N, C-alpha and C. Protein backbone atom coordinates (compact mmCIF):
# COMPACT_ATOMS: atom_id res chain seq x y z
N MET A 1 -0.29 -3.26 6.60
CA MET A 1 -0.32 -1.95 6.19
C MET A 1 1.26 -1.76 7.15
N ARG A 2 1.08 -3.67 8.57
CA ARG A 2 2.05 -3.60 9.60
C ARG A 2 3.11 -3.48 9.01
N ASP A 3 3.50 -4.70 8.09
CA ASP A 3 4.82 -5.31 7.75
C ASP A 3 5.19 -2.81 7.46
N GLY A 4 4.46 -2.88 6.37
CA GLY A 4 5.01 -1.08 6.28
C GLY A 4 5.45 -0.11 7.15
N ILE A 5 4.70 -0.27 8.02
CA ILE A 5 4.66 0.55 9.72
C ILE A 5 5.54 -0.02 10.59
N ALA A 6 7.10 -1.08 10.56
CA ALA A 6 7.72 -2.16 10.83
C ALA A 6 8.53 -1.16 9.42
N ILE A 7 8.56 -1.50 8.70
CA ILE A 7 9.72 -0.88 8.19
C ILE A 7 10.21 0.15 7.97
N ALA A 8 9.03 1.31 8.45
CA ALA A 8 9.35 2.52 8.25
C ALA A 8 10.71 2.77 9.59
N ARG A 9 9.44 1.74 10.73
CA ARG A 9 9.93 2.44 12.07
C ARG A 9 11.64 1.16 11.58
N LEU A 10 11.99 1.02 11.01
CA LEU A 10 13.46 0.61 10.41
C LEU A 10 14.43 1.50 10.06
N GLY A 11 13.74 2.55 9.69
CA GLY A 11 13.85 3.52 9.05
C GLY A 11 14.02 3.65 7.00
N ILE A 12 13.51 2.20 7.08
CA ILE A 12 13.67 2.21 5.38
C ILE A 12 11.81 2.48 5.19
N PRO A 13 12.25 3.77 3.84
CA PRO A 13 11.53 3.69 3.36
C PRO A 13 9.88 2.98 2.76
N ALA A 14 9.26 3.12 3.21
CA ALA A 14 8.32 1.63 3.05
C ALA A 14 6.86 2.69 2.23
N VAL A 15 6.35 1.69 1.64
CA VAL A 15 4.26 1.63 1.55
C VAL A 15 3.66 0.65 1.28
N SER A 16 3.09 1.14 1.25
CA SER A 16 1.88 -0.27 2.35
C SER A 16 0.96 -0.56 0.24
N LEU A 17 0.55 -1.37 0.45
CA LEU A 17 -0.83 -1.71 -1.07
C LEU A 17 -1.52 -1.85 -0.63
N VAL A 18 -2.69 -1.27 -0.48
CA VAL A 18 -3.56 -1.82 -0.03
C VAL A 18 -5.06 -1.36 -0.26
N THR A 19 -5.46 -2.95 -0.34
CA THR A 19 -7.35 -3.43 -2.25
C THR A 19 -7.98 -1.93 -1.11
N GLU A 20 -9.21 -2.02 -1.99
CA GLU A 20 -9.68 -0.49 -1.41
C GLU A 20 -11.15 -1.53 -0.41
N ASP A 21 -11.08 -2.57 -0.85
CA ASP A 21 -11.87 -3.19 0.50
C ASP A 21 -11.36 -3.16 1.30
N PHE A 22 -9.63 -2.89 1.41
CA PHE A 22 -9.84 -3.12 2.95
C PHE A 22 -8.53 -2.01 3.79
N TRP A 23 -9.21 -0.31 2.77
CA TRP A 23 -9.04 0.99 3.08
C TRP A 23 -8.91 0.23 4.68
N PRO A 24 -10.61 0.43 4.71
CA PRO A 24 -10.96 0.80 6.45
C PRO A 24 -9.68 0.06 7.19
N GLN A 25 -9.84 -0.55 6.67
CA GLN A 25 -9.59 -1.58 8.12
C GLN A 25 -7.39 -1.12 8.16
N GLY A 26 -6.61 -0.70 6.35
CA GLY A 26 -5.50 0.08 6.87
C GLY A 26 -6.20 1.17 7.97
N ASP A 27 -6.63 2.49 7.67
CA ASP A 27 -6.88 3.22 8.05
C ASP A 27 -6.60 2.63 10.08
N PHE A 28 -8.00 2.06 10.61
CA PHE A 28 -7.51 0.89 11.88
C PHE A 28 -6.03 0.32 12.46
N VAL A 29 -5.54 0.53 11.58
CA VAL A 29 -4.22 -0.55 12.17
C VAL A 29 -3.02 0.39 12.09
N ALA A 30 -2.93 1.56 10.74
CA ALA A 30 -2.10 2.72 10.93
C ALA A 30 -1.97 2.75 12.71
N GLU A 31 -3.90 3.69 12.16
CA GLU A 31 -3.79 4.47 13.97
C GLU A 31 -3.58 3.92 15.40
N SER A 32 -3.57 2.18 15.28
CA SER A 32 -3.67 1.71 16.56
C SER A 32 -2.67 1.50 16.16
N LEU A 33 -1.13 1.53 15.52
CA LEU A 33 0.52 1.91 15.62
C LEU A 33 0.70 2.58 15.89
N GLY A 34 -0.04 4.27 15.64
CA GLY A 34 0.41 5.20 16.50
C GLY A 34 1.45 5.77 14.80
N MET A 35 0.80 5.32 13.45
CA MET A 35 1.49 6.41 11.94
C MET A 35 -0.14 6.47 11.24
N PRO A 36 -0.72 7.88 12.13
CA PRO A 36 -2.27 7.19 11.56
C PRO A 36 -2.03 7.88 9.90
N ASP A 37 0.20 8.35 9.93
CA ASP A 37 0.01 9.06 8.12
C ASP A 37 1.15 8.05 7.27
N ALA A 38 0.85 6.76 7.27
CA ALA A 38 2.01 6.17 6.57
C ALA A 38 1.53 5.86 5.81
N PRO A 39 2.43 6.41 5.07
CA PRO A 39 2.02 6.03 3.13
C PRO A 39 1.78 4.33 3.35
N ARG A 40 0.63 4.52 2.23
CA ARG A 40 -0.29 3.46 1.71
C ARG A 40 -0.35 3.80 -0.12
N LEU A 41 -0.97 3.45 -0.28
CA LEU A 41 -1.48 3.16 -2.20
C LEU A 41 -2.87 2.03 -1.83
N ARG A 42 -4.04 2.17 -2.87
CA ARG A 42 -5.62 1.85 -3.20
C ARG A 42 -5.01 1.80 -3.97
N LEU A 43 -5.69 -0.05 -4.07
CA LEU A 43 -5.14 -0.29 -5.11
C LEU A 43 -7.07 -1.66 -5.84
N PRO A 44 -6.97 -1.52 -6.60
CA PRO A 44 -8.63 -1.58 -6.84
C PRO A 44 -8.90 -2.91 -5.64
N HIS A 45 -9.76 -3.80 -5.74
CA HIS A 45 -10.70 -4.88 -5.43
C HIS A 45 -11.06 -5.53 -6.51
N PRO A 46 -10.75 -6.92 -6.14
CA PRO A 46 -9.07 -7.83 -5.88
C PRO A 46 -8.75 -6.82 -6.82
N VAL A 47 -7.73 -7.37 -7.04
CA VAL A 47 -5.90 -7.48 -7.04
C VAL A 47 -5.59 -9.57 -7.92
N ALA A 48 -5.61 -10.44 -6.55
CA ALA A 48 -4.99 -11.36 -6.44
C ALA A 48 -6.26 -12.26 -7.42
N GLY A 49 -5.87 -12.96 -8.39
CA GLY A 49 -7.09 -14.36 -9.19
C GLY A 49 -7.65 -13.24 -10.22
N THR A 50 -7.23 -11.89 -10.65
CA THR A 50 -7.92 -11.20 -12.21
C THR A 50 -7.13 -11.72 -13.03
N GLY A 51 -6.32 -12.89 -13.23
CA GLY A 51 -5.69 -13.31 -14.90
C GLY A 51 -4.01 -11.33 -14.32
N GLU A 52 -2.69 -12.09 -15.58
CA GLU A 52 -2.05 -11.77 -16.35
C GLU A 52 -1.96 -10.87 -16.30
N ALA A 53 -3.09 -9.92 -16.83
CA ALA A 53 -3.14 -9.13 -18.16
C ALA A 53 -4.20 -8.33 -17.12
N ASN A 54 -4.73 -8.04 -15.82
CA ASN A 54 -5.14 -7.18 -15.12
C ASN A 54 -3.96 -7.35 -14.10
N LEU A 55 -2.86 -8.02 -13.68
CA LEU A 55 -2.69 -7.66 -12.67
C LEU A 55 -1.06 -7.33 -13.27
N SER A 56 -1.22 -6.76 -15.21
CA SER A 56 0.48 -6.07 -15.30
C SER A 56 -0.02 -4.91 -15.00
N ALA A 57 -1.42 -4.67 -16.17
CA ALA A 57 -2.47 -3.45 -16.08
C ALA A 57 -1.79 -2.74 -14.57
N VAL A 58 -2.39 -3.12 -12.53
CA VAL A 58 -1.83 -2.33 -11.71
C VAL A 58 -0.50 -2.31 -11.94
N ALA A 59 0.12 -3.18 -12.22
CA ALA A 59 0.92 -3.07 -11.66
C ALA A 59 1.78 -1.58 -12.46
N GLU A 60 1.20 -1.41 -13.85
CA GLU A 60 2.07 -0.33 -14.59
C GLU A 60 1.50 1.01 -13.93
N ALA A 61 0.17 0.93 -13.44
CA ALA A 61 -0.38 2.35 -12.99
C ALA A 61 -0.45 2.14 -11.84
N ILE A 62 0.53 1.79 -10.50
CA ILE A 62 0.64 1.32 -9.43
C ILE A 62 2.18 2.16 -9.24
N ALA A 63 3.43 2.27 -9.79
CA ALA A 63 4.71 1.38 -9.75
C ALA A 63 5.08 2.97 -10.71
N PRO A 64 4.60 4.29 -11.04
CA PRO A 64 5.33 5.59 -10.66
C PRO A 64 4.29 6.14 -9.78
N LYS A 65 3.98 6.20 -9.05
CA LYS A 65 3.42 6.51 -7.40
C LYS A 65 4.57 5.30 -6.48
N ILE A 66 4.63 3.37 -6.25
CA ILE A 66 4.95 3.65 -5.32
C ILE A 66 6.68 4.86 -5.15
N VAL A 67 7.05 4.92 -6.60
CA VAL A 67 8.62 5.40 -7.48
C VAL A 67 7.50 7.36 -6.21
N GLU A 68 7.03 7.75 -6.56
CA GLU A 68 7.00 9.17 -5.82
C GLU A 68 6.61 8.82 -4.66
N ALA A 69 5.59 7.62 -4.20
CA ALA A 69 5.48 7.94 -2.73
C ALA A 69 6.86 7.16 -1.77
N LEU A 70 7.74 6.75 -2.09
CA LEU A 70 8.85 6.19 -1.62
C LEU A 70 9.83 7.19 -1.79
N ALA A 71 9.87 8.46 -2.97
CA ALA A 71 11.10 9.13 -2.48
C ALA A 71 10.51 10.41 -1.42
N HIS A 72 9.45 11.34 -0.69
CA HIS A 72 8.95 11.66 -0.17
C HIS A 72 9.02 11.37 1.75
């Protein structure tokens, strides 16, 4: 969240990728940094260490959503 917000503040379109387990923390960070509506997408948790096939599936599912979020 912090990186996404920092990039957005520079005027560069950004969307943060946050896993389900860290979504509440993302709410807190976005709110505390004054950008509660900062664009972000929810990923399953965990992603890391789940294997190449799962990472590919997650990437394939989320890529169109990232493009859509950046277009707004």
